[in-house]
Amino acid sequence: MAAPQTVLPERATTPAHRDTNVLRWLTAYTVSLIGDSVYFVALGWSAQKAGGPTEVGLVMAAGALPRALLMLGGGVVADRFDPRRVILGSDTLRCILILAVAAGIALTAPALWILVTVALIFGAVDALFVPAVGALPSRITTPDQLARVTGMRSLSTRLGQIAGPPIGGMAMGVGGPAAAFTVAGLLIALSLPLLLTIRIRPVGASDAERPEPGTARKDLLDGLRYIRRHRLIGPLVVAGAVCELGLIGTLNVGMVLLNAERGWGPSGYGWIAGSFSAGAAASASLLAIAGWLPRAGLMMTGTLLVGCAGAASIALVPALWLTAVAAAVIGLCAGVFGSLNNALMQTAADPAYLGRVTSVVMLTMVGIAPLSYPLVGAAIGAWGAAPVFVGCGVVASLGAAIALASDAVRHAELPRQRG
């Protein structure tokens, strides 16, 4: 973890998709994400063996608490230290933790308290890992390539979500929870040698300066003030938070309940969820291939409005195949919005603040937005899916209104590529 960093020259000569430094990072990130997905499969099945449905929910929720509570602190750590080393350290800790659990479960049946403890520790380490991942792209490529890197990273995220559960299920079938945890730990371990070889770009004086001991609170407040005062990043963060609050409960909880209300069964839900993922993957591919889109601020806002309209109306669609098509459109729009939102923040932010910017964005996703889950569930139980979907779509559209109200967002552009 303390290996000296190699510094990139000031100007990159190759596009991100042909830059071996970026590709090493992307491969390491993808392998680590697949390991994460396998870990969650192993954790859920182990909890199911140790208890019932309530215990599964308890274990799966345990990791979210420290992740939400410590995320802002993780952003400070990512900005105060080399984010590559923070990623290396957190990945090493996660690997050791998962392999230790695998060894323990191989010797004895999984106990509920052990699984809760593992989930809590894993969530705390994740609070360091996630902001550092957000701070790293600006250190490994040039600003004109950040949009393409954002698309490539989104594709990696989708690949991890698609590949992880089948790999975890196969490992569970062959050797039980111990084998699944072992596979997860080994996958994360594979990312470590690649992370060690990543070269880091200089980002100016702030990269060399280290805050004096005892200034973590000041750094956190400085980061929050930086976001609030930034003409572009502030509205982007708020618009994204409102969008997540309106849509995430609808898409994650509401879709399940809508499927049950219509009687389409597990296969119907699979078609809907798969269509959404396909749309989101297509949007990530668009940005990864194109590397630049015109009038990025307006395009981001427009796709958000279309996605909100789709989410509001999807419960009014009577046929399964039409619902799947609508889900694909929503996924496409949500993917374009999310990718452009992230790319604009990456290019506009001072690299010295990117860890804290990422931590605030992720806090809205893992700490605030999930609060809508029980509200959406209770509302659908009381009034049915259609009015709740419409209401959530209207709430999410307020994010688009916030974005449109900002002159900086309306005129935001991605840097043009130099070659």
Protein backbone atom coordinates (compact mmCIF):
# COMPACT_ATOMS: atom_id res chain seq x y z
CA MET A 1 0.00 0.00 0.00
CA ALA A 2 2.89 2.36 0.62
CA ALA A 3 4.53 1.77 -2.76
CA PRO A 4 5.76 5.03 -4.35
CA GLN A 5 3.38 6.34 -7.00
CA THR A 6 4.42 6.74 -10.62
CA VAL A 7 3.42 10.09 -12.08
CA LEU A 8 1.99 10.50 -15.55
CA PRO A 9 3.19 13.25 -17.84
CA GLU A 10 0.95 16.32 -18.04
CA ARG A 11 -0.63 15.40 -21.38
CA ALA A 12 -1.98 12.02 -22.35
CA THR A 13 -1.32 10.98 -25.96
CA THR A 14 -3.96 8.25 -26.32
CA PRO A 15 -7.75 8.15 -25.84
CA ALA A 16 -8.96 6.53 -22.63
CA HIS A 17 -10.19 3.36 -24.35
CA ARG A 18 -6.66 2.76 -25.68
CA ASP A 19 -4.76 3.99 -22.62
CA THR A 20 -3.24 0.96 -20.87
CA ASN A 21 -3.14 2.88 -17.58
CA VAL A 22 -6.90 3.51 -17.69
CA LEU A 23 -7.57 -0.04 -18.85
CA ARG A 24 -5.57 -1.49 -15.94
CA TRP A 25 -7.63 0.58 -13.53
CA LEU A 26 -10.87 -0.39 -15.28
CA THR A 27 -9.99 -4.09 -15.17
CA ALA A 28 -9.13 -3.87 -11.47
CA TYR A 29 -12.36 -1.98 -10.77
CA THR A 30 -14.46 -4.49 -12.71
CA VAL A 31 -12.93 -7.52 -11.00
CA SER A 32 -13.41 -5.88 -7.60
CA LEU A 33 -17.06 -5.11 -8.40
CA ILE A 34 -17.72 -8.71 -9.44
CA GLY A 35 -16.15 -9.79 -6.16
CA ASP A 36 -18.52 -7.41 -4.33
CA SER A 37 -21.54 -8.93 -6.08
CA VAL A 38 -20.43 -12.47 -5.22
CA TYR A 39 -19.90 -11.36 -1.60
CA PHE A 40 -23.49 -10.05 -1.34
CA VAL A 41 -24.83 -13.32 -2.77
CA ALA A 42 -22.81 -15.29 -0.22
CA LEU A 43 -23.87 -12.99 2.61
CA GLY A 44 -27.57 -13.22 1.76
CA TRP A 45 -27.58 -17.00 1.43
CA SER A 46 -25.57 -17.42 4.62
CA ALA A 47 -28.07 -15.23 6.47
CA GLN A 48 -30.90 -17.32 5.06
CA LYS A 49 -29.27 -20.46 6.45
CA ALA A 50 -28.70 -18.81 9.83
CA GLY A 51 -32.25 -17.49 10.20
CA GLY A 52 -35.38 -16.45 8.33
CA PRO A 53 -36.43 -13.59 6.06
CA THR A 54 -36.20 -11.05 8.89
CA GLU A 55 -32.62 -12.07 9.60
CA VAL A 56 -31.73 -11.79 5.90
CA GLY A 57 -33.04 -8.23 5.89
CA LEU A 58 -31.13 -7.43 9.08
CA VAL A 59 -27.83 -8.70 7.73
CA MET A 60 -28.21 -7.05 4.32
CA ALA A 61 -29.17 -3.73 5.92
CA ALA A 62 -26.34 -3.82 8.48
CA GLY A 63 -23.72 -2.79 5.94
CA ALA A 64 -25.74 0.24 4.80
CA LEU A 65 -25.61 1.96 8.20
CA PRO A 66 -21.81 2.46 8.53
CA ARG A 67 -21.58 3.14 4.80
CA ALA A 68 -24.02 6.05 5.16
CA LEU A 69 -22.61 7.35 8.46
CA LEU A 70 -18.96 7.27 7.39
CA MET A 71 -19.25 8.19 3.71
CA LEU A 72 -18.50 11.90 4.21
CA GLY A 73 -15.44 11.02 6.29
CA GLY A 74 -14.33 8.68 3.52
CA GLY A 75 -14.43 11.62 1.13
CA VAL A 76 -12.08 13.59 3.38
CA VAL A 77 -9.67 10.64 3.49
CA ALA A 78 -9.75 10.28 -0.31
CA ASP A 79 -8.84 13.96 -0.75
CA ARG A 80 -6.20 14.08 1.98
CA PHE A 81 -4.32 11.02 0.74
CA ASP A 82 -3.49 9.39 -2.58
CA PRO A 83 -6.83 7.86 -3.66
CA ARG A 84 -5.03 4.93 -5.28
CA ARG A 85 -3.54 3.99 -1.93
CA VAL A 86 -6.90 4.39 -0.21
CA ILE A 87 -8.42 2.00 -2.77
CA LEU A 88 -5.52 -0.43 -2.30
CA GLY A 89 -5.89 -0.33 1.46
CA SER A 90 -9.66 -0.74 1.48
CA ASP A 91 -9.56 -3.54 -1.12
CA THR A 92 -6.89 -5.32 0.93
CA LEU A 93 -9.01 -5.06 4.08
CA ARG A 94 -12.10 -6.32 2.25
CA CYS A 95 -10.15 -9.24 0.81
CA ILE A 96 -8.75 -10.26 4.21
CA LEU A 97 -12.18 -9.92 5.85
CA ILE A 98 -13.98 -12.03 3.24
CA LEU A 99 -11.34 -14.77 3.19
CA ALA A 100 -11.38 -14.89 7.00
CA VAL A 101 -15.16 -15.35 6.92
CA ALA A 102 -14.77 -18.10 4.31
CA ALA A 103 -12.31 -19.92 6.57
CA GLY A 104 -14.58 -19.54 9.60
CA ILE A 105 -17.70 -20.77 7.77
CA ALA A 106 -15.76 -23.75 6.40
CA LEU A 107 -15.10 -24.84 10.00
CA THR A 108 -18.52 -24.11 11.51
CA ALA A 109 -22.05 -23.09 10.58
CA PRO A 110 -22.48 -19.33 9.96
CA ALA A 111 -23.75 -17.55 13.06
CA LEU A 112 -26.01 -14.54 12.67
CA TRP A 113 -23.88 -12.27 14.87
CA ILE A 114 -20.78 -13.05 12.77
CA LEU A 115 -22.61 -12.15 9.56
CA VAL A 116 -23.89 -8.87 11.04
CA THR A 117 -20.37 -8.00 12.22
CA VAL A 118 -18.92 -8.77 8.79
CA ALA A 119 -21.57 -6.64 7.10
CA LEU A 120 -20.87 -3.72 9.45
CA ILE A 121 -17.09 -3.87 8.87
CA PHE A 122 -17.50 -4.29 5.12
CA GLY A 123 -19.84 -1.27 5.01
CA ALA A 124 -17.35 0.84 6.98
CA VAL A 125 -14.52 -0.06 4.60
CA ASP A 126 -16.80 0.64 1.63
CA ALA A 127 -17.20 4.19 2.98
CA LEU A 128 -13.48 4.63 2.24
CA PHE A 129 -13.47 2.75 -1.06
CA VAL A 130 -16.34 4.51 -2.85
CA PRO A 131 -15.15 8.16 -2.53
CA ALA A 132 -11.61 7.16 -3.50
CA VAL A 133 -12.94 5.49 -6.66
CA GLY A 134 -14.70 8.74 -7.51
CA ALA A 135 -11.52 10.78 -6.94
CA LEU A 136 -9.22 8.57 -9.04
CA PRO A 137 -10.31 9.14 -12.69
CA SER A 138 -9.02 12.72 -12.79
CA ARG A 139 -5.62 11.41 -11.63
CA ILE A 140 -5.25 8.84 -14.43
CA THR A 141 -6.51 10.66 -17.54
CA THR A 142 -6.97 14.12 -18.99
CA PRO A 143 -10.17 16.22 -18.58
CA ASP A 144 -11.21 15.68 -22.21
CA GLN A 145 -11.29 11.90 -21.60
CA LEU A 146 -13.27 11.95 -18.34
CA ALA A 147 -16.65 11.55 -20.05
CA ARG A 148 -15.45 8.43 -21.85
CA VAL A 149 -13.97 7.06 -18.59
CA THR A 150 -17.34 7.71 -16.92
CA GLY A 151 -19.11 5.65 -19.58
CA MET A 152 -16.52 2.86 -19.31
CA ARG A 153 -16.91 2.84 -15.53
CA SER A 154 -20.72 2.63 -15.85
CA LEU A 155 -20.32 -0.35 -18.17
CA SER A 156 -18.06 -2.00 -15.60
CA THR A 157 -20.68 -1.45 -12.93
CA ARG A 158 -23.34 -3.14 -15.09
CA LEU A 159 -20.98 -6.02 -15.86
CA GLY A 160 -20.35 -6.53 -12.15
CA GLN A 161 -24.08 -6.57 -11.45
CA ILE A 162 -24.72 -9.04 -14.28
CA ALA A 163 -21.75 -11.41 -13.78
CA GLY A 164 -21.54 -11.46 -9.99
CA PRO A 165 -24.80 -13.20 -8.99
CA PRO A 166 -24.39 -16.17 -11.40
CA ILE A 167 -20.78 -16.67 -10.30
CA GLY A 168 -21.86 -16.48 -6.66
CA GLY A 169 -24.73 -18.88 -7.26
CA MET A 170 -22.45 -21.36 -9.01
CA ALA A 171 -19.94 -21.21 -6.16
CA MET A 172 -22.76 -21.70 -3.64
CA GLY A 173 -23.98 -24.74 -5.56
CA VAL A 174 -20.52 -26.31 -5.68
CA GLY A 175 -19.17 -25.61 -2.20
CA GLY A 176 -21.74 -23.68 -0.21
CA PRO A 177 -21.22 -20.28 1.46
CA ALA A 178 -17.55 -20.94 2.23
CA ALA A 179 -16.78 -21.43 -1.47
CA ALA A 180 -18.75 -18.32 -2.44
CA PHE A 181 -16.93 -16.16 0.11
CA THR A 182 -13.61 -17.60 -1.09
CA VAL A 183 -14.39 -16.74 -4.71
CA ALA A 184 -15.37 -13.21 -3.69
CA GLY A 185 -12.14 -12.71 -1.74
CA LEU A 186 -9.97 -14.07 -4.55
CA LEU A 187 -11.66 -11.82 -7.13
CA ILE A 188 -10.96 -8.75 -5.02
CA ALA A 189 -7.38 -9.98 -4.50
CA LEU A 190 -6.92 -10.10 -8.29
CA SER A 191 -7.46 -6.35 -8.47
CA LEU A 192 -4.57 -5.52 -6.14
CA PRO A 193 -1.60 -6.16 -8.52
CA LEU A 194 -3.29 -4.08 -11.21
CA LEU A 195 -3.92 -1.21 -8.80
CA LEU A 196 -0.25 -1.22 -7.83
CA THR A 197 0.78 -0.51 -11.44
CA ILE A 198 -1.50 2.49 -11.99
CA ARG A 199 0.32 5.73 -12.77
CA ILE A 200 -0.99 8.97 -11.24
CA ARG A 201 -1.21 12.39 -12.90
CA PRO A 202 -0.15 15.51 -10.98
CA VAL A 203 -3.12 17.75 -10.15
CA GLY A 204 -1.30 20.84 -8.93
CA ALA A 205 -0.13 22.09 -5.57
CA SER A 206 -3.07 20.64 -3.66
CA ASP A 207 -1.84 17.14 -4.49
CA ALA A 208 1.44 17.75 -2.70
CA GLU A 209 0.01 19.58 0.31
CA ARG A 210 -1.27 17.52 3.21
CA PRO A 211 -3.62 18.99 5.82
CA GLU A 212 -2.23 19.37 9.30
CA PRO A 213 -3.34 16.76 11.85
CA GLY A 214 -6.67 17.57 13.43
CA THR A 215 -8.13 19.36 10.39
CA ALA A 216 -10.45 16.57 9.17
CA ARG A 217 -13.55 18.43 10.38
CA LYS A 218 -12.39 21.61 8.66
CA ASP A 219 -11.74 19.63 5.45
CA LEU A 220 -15.26 18.20 5.59
CA LEU A 221 -16.84 21.63 6.08
CA ASP A 222 -14.63 23.09 3.35
CA GLY A 223 -15.84 20.36 0.98
CA LEU A 224 -19.50 21.03 1.78
CA ARG A 225 -18.96 24.77 1.27
CA TYR A 226 -17.17 24.08 -2.01
CA ILE A 227 -20.18 22.10 -3.30
CA ARG A 228 -22.68 24.71 -2.09
CA ARG A 229 -20.83 27.64 -3.69
CA HIS A 230 -19.90 25.99 -6.99
CA ARG A 231 -22.18 27.30 -9.75
CA LEU A 232 -22.35 23.95 -11.57
CA ILE A 233 -21.60 21.23 -9.02
CA GLY A 234 -24.07 22.51 -6.41
CA PRO A 235 -27.14 22.32 -8.69
CA LEU A 236 -25.95 18.98 -10.14
CA VAL A 237 -25.69 17.43 -6.66
CA VAL A 238 -29.11 18.74 -5.60
CA ALA A 239 -30.78 17.71 -8.88
CA GLY A 240 -29.29 14.22 -8.60
CA ALA A 241 -30.40 13.87 -4.97
CA VAL A 242 -34.00 14.87 -5.76
CA CYS A 243 -34.03 12.52 -8.75
CA GLU A 244 -32.78 9.60 -6.62
CA LEU A 245 -35.30 10.35 -3.88
CA GLY A 246 -38.16 10.27 -6.37
CA LEU A 247 -37.11 7.36 -8.56
CA ILE A 248 -35.06 4.85 -6.55
CA GLY A 249 -37.95 3.66 -4.38
CA THR A 250 -40.20 3.42 -7.43
CA LEU A 251 -37.70 1.42 -9.45
CA ASN A 252 -36.47 -0.88 -6.67
CA VAL A 253 -39.58 -1.45 -4.53
CA GLY A 254 -42.42 -0.21 -6.71
CA MET A 255 -41.50 -2.42 -9.67
CA VAL A 256 -41.67 -5.53 -7.48
CA LEU A 257 -45.06 -4.56 -6.09
CA LEU A 258 -46.37 -3.54 -9.52
CA ASN A 259 -45.34 -6.93 -10.88
CA ALA A 260 -47.16 -8.67 -8.01
CA GLU A 261 -50.24 -6.48 -8.52
CA ARG A 262 -50.38 -7.45 -12.20
CA GLY A 263 -49.70 -11.15 -11.51
CA TRP A 264 -46.80 -11.40 -13.98
CA GLY A 265 -44.70 -13.61 -11.67
CA PRO A 266 -40.90 -13.79 -11.25
CA SER A 267 -40.29 -14.10 -14.99
CA GLY A 268 -42.23 -10.89 -15.61
CA TYR A 269 -40.13 -9.03 -13.09
CA GLY A 270 -37.02 -10.48 -14.71
CA TRP A 271 -38.07 -9.05 -18.08
CA ILE A 272 -38.72 -5.62 -16.58
CA ALA A 273 -35.49 -5.48 -14.56
CA GLY A 274 -33.47 -6.87 -17.46
CA SER A 275 -34.91 -4.29 -19.87
CA PHE A 276 -34.03 -1.46 -17.50
CA SER A 277 -30.46 -2.76 -17.15
CA ALA A 278 -30.14 -3.14 -20.92
CA GLY A 279 -31.21 0.47 -21.43
CA ALA A 280 -28.75 1.71 -18.80
CA ALA A 281 -25.94 -0.35 -20.34
CA ALA A 282 -26.74 1.06 -23.79
CA SER A 283 -26.44 4.62 -22.47
CA ALA A 284 -23.10 3.83 -20.84
CA SER A 285 -21.89 2.35 -24.13
CA LEU A 286 -22.93 5.52 -25.93
CA LEU A 287 -20.76 7.72 -23.73
CA ALA A 288 -17.88 5.25 -23.67
CA ILE A 289 -17.80 5.06 -27.49
CA ALA A 290 -18.57 8.69 -28.33
CA GLY A 291 -16.49 10.20 -25.53
CA TRP A 292 -18.28 13.54 -25.94
CA LEU A 293 -21.88 14.69 -26.34
CA PRO A 294 -22.99 18.20 -27.34
CA ARG A 295 -24.93 20.51 -25.02
CA ALA A 296 -24.34 18.13 -22.15
CA GLY A 297 -26.27 20.13 -19.54
CA LEU A 298 -29.43 20.38 -21.62
CA MET A 299 -29.16 16.79 -22.82
CA MET A 300 -28.80 15.61 -19.23
CA THR A 301 -31.86 17.58 -18.15
CA GLY A 302 -33.92 16.46 -21.14
CA THR A 303 -33.24 12.77 -20.58
CA LEU A 304 -34.11 13.22 -16.91
CA LEU A 305 -37.49 14.69 -17.85
CA VAL A 306 -38.20 11.82 -20.25
CA GLY A 307 -37.13 9.27 -17.62
CA CYS A 308 -39.41 10.90 -15.02
CA ALA A 309 -42.33 10.86 -17.45
CA GLY A 310 -41.67 7.18 -18.16
CA ALA A 311 -41.50 6.34 -14.45
CA ALA A 312 -44.75 8.22 -13.81
CA SER A 313 -46.62 6.45 -16.59
CA ILE A 314 -45.20 2.90 -16.42
CA ALA A 315 -47.85 1.76 -13.94
CA LEU A 316 -50.50 2.81 -16.45
CA VAL A 317 -49.15 0.46 -19.15
CA PRO A 318 -51.36 -2.68 -19.28
CA ALA A 319 -49.18 -5.26 -21.09
CA LEU A 320 -45.96 -6.84 -19.86
CA TRP A 321 -44.08 -6.31 -23.12
CA LEU A 322 -45.01 -2.62 -23.17
CA THR A 323 -43.89 -2.29 -19.55
CA ALA A 324 -40.55 -3.90 -20.46
CA VAL A 325 -40.13 -1.45 -23.36
CA ALA A 326 -40.94 1.47 -21.06
CA ALA A 327 -38.43 0.15 -18.51
CA ALA A 328 -35.74 0.04 -21.22
CA VAL A 329 -36.46 3.68 -22.12
CA ILE A 330 -36.34 4.68 -18.46
CA GLY A 331 -33.03 2.82 -18.06
CA LEU A 332 -31.60 4.53 -21.14
CA CYS A 333 -32.63 7.98 -19.92
CA ALA A 334 -31.49 7.34 -16.35
CA GLY A 335 -28.15 6.09 -17.64
CA VAL A 336 -27.58 9.15 -19.85
CA PHE A 337 -28.58 11.48 -17.00
CA GLY A 338 -26.37 9.71 -14.46
CA SER A 339 -23.38 9.47 -16.79
CA LEU A 340 -23.55 13.10 -17.89
CA ASN A 341 -24.16 14.29 -14.34
CA ASN A 342 -21.08 12.40 -13.16
CA ALA A 343 -18.96 13.44 -16.14
CA LEU A 344 -19.80 17.13 -15.70
CA MET A 345 -18.90 16.96 -12.01
CA GLN A 346 -15.65 15.14 -12.79
CA THR A 347 -14.59 17.76 -15.31
CA ALA A 348 -15.77 20.81 -13.34
CA ALA A 349 -14.50 19.89 -9.87
CA ASP A 350 -11.09 20.74 -8.51
CA PRO A 351 -9.43 17.28 -8.20
CA ALA A 352 -8.55 18.14 -4.61
CA TYR A 353 -12.28 18.05 -3.76
CA LEU A 354 -13.45 15.09 -5.85
CA GLY A 355 -13.42 12.62 -2.97
CA ARG A 356 -15.71 14.84 -0.92
CA VAL A 357 -17.94 15.59 -3.90
CA THR A 358 -18.28 11.84 -4.58
CA SER A 359 -19.01 11.13 -0.90
CA VAL A 360 -21.89 13.62 -0.84
CA VAL A 361 -23.35 12.23 -4.07
CA MET A 362 -23.09 8.66 -2.80
CA LEU A 363 -24.56 9.61 0.57
CA THR A 364 -27.75 10.71 -1.20
CA MET A 365 -27.86 7.32 -2.93
CA VAL A 366 -27.05 4.97 -0.04
CA GLY A 367 -28.19 7.04 2.93
CA ILE A 368 -31.07 9.31 1.93
CA ALA A 369 -32.77 7.83 -1.14
CA PRO A 370 -33.41 4.38 0.46
CA LEU A 371 -35.53 6.15 3.09
CA SER A 372 -38.23 6.23 0.41
CA TYR A 373 -38.45 2.40 0.30
CA PRO A 374 -40.91 1.92 3.18
CA LEU A 375 -42.90 4.99 2.12
CA VAL A 376 -43.32 3.69 -1.43
CA GLY A 377 -44.26 0.22 -0.17
CA ALA A 378 -46.84 1.57 2.30
CA ALA A 379 -48.30 3.98 -0.26
CA ILE A 380 -48.73 1.27 -2.92
CA GLY A 381 -50.34 -0.97 -0.31
CA ALA A 382 -52.84 1.79 0.51
CA TRP A 383 -53.56 3.32 -2.91
CA GLY A 384 -52.20 0.94 -5.54
CA ALA A 385 -49.26 1.34 -7.88
CA ALA A 386 -50.55 3.85 -10.45
CA PRO A 387 -50.98 6.99 -8.25
CA VAL A 388 -47.73 6.29 -6.39
CA PHE A 389 -45.72 5.92 -9.60
CA VAL A 390 -47.20 9.18 -10.91
CA GLY A 391 -46.41 10.98 -7.66
CA CYS A 392 -42.83 9.69 -7.54
CA GLY A 393 -42.30 10.71 -11.17
CA VAL A 394 -43.50 14.23 -10.33
CA VAL A 395 -41.12 14.41 -7.34
CA ALA A 396 -38.19 13.26 -9.47
CA SER A 397 -39.05 15.83 -12.15
CA LEU A 398 -38.36 18.54 -9.57
CA GLY A 399 -34.69 17.59 -10.02
CA ALA A 400 -34.97 18.54 -13.68
CA ALA A 401 -36.60 21.84 -12.69
CA ILE A 402 -33.68 22.57 -10.35
CA ALA A 403 -31.22 21.80 -13.14
CA LEU A 404 -33.08 23.98 -15.66
CA ALA A 405 -33.17 26.86 -13.18
CA SER A 406 -29.35 26.93 -13.15
CA ASP A 407 -27.73 28.95 -15.92
CA ALA A 408 -24.49 27.00 -15.36
CA VAL A 409 -26.23 23.67 -15.95
CA ARG A 410 -28.11 24.87 -19.04
CA HIS A 411 -24.84 26.00 -20.65
CA ALA A 412 -22.64 23.17 -19.34
CA GLU A 413 -20.44 21.45 -21.93
CA LEU A 414 -18.01 18.56 -21.77
CA PRO A 415 -14.41 19.32 -22.79
CA ARG A 416 -13.77 18.48 -26.43
CA GLN A 417 -11.30 15.67 -27.08
CA ARG A 418 -7.84 16.63 -28.27
CA GLY A 419 -7.26 13.59 -30.42
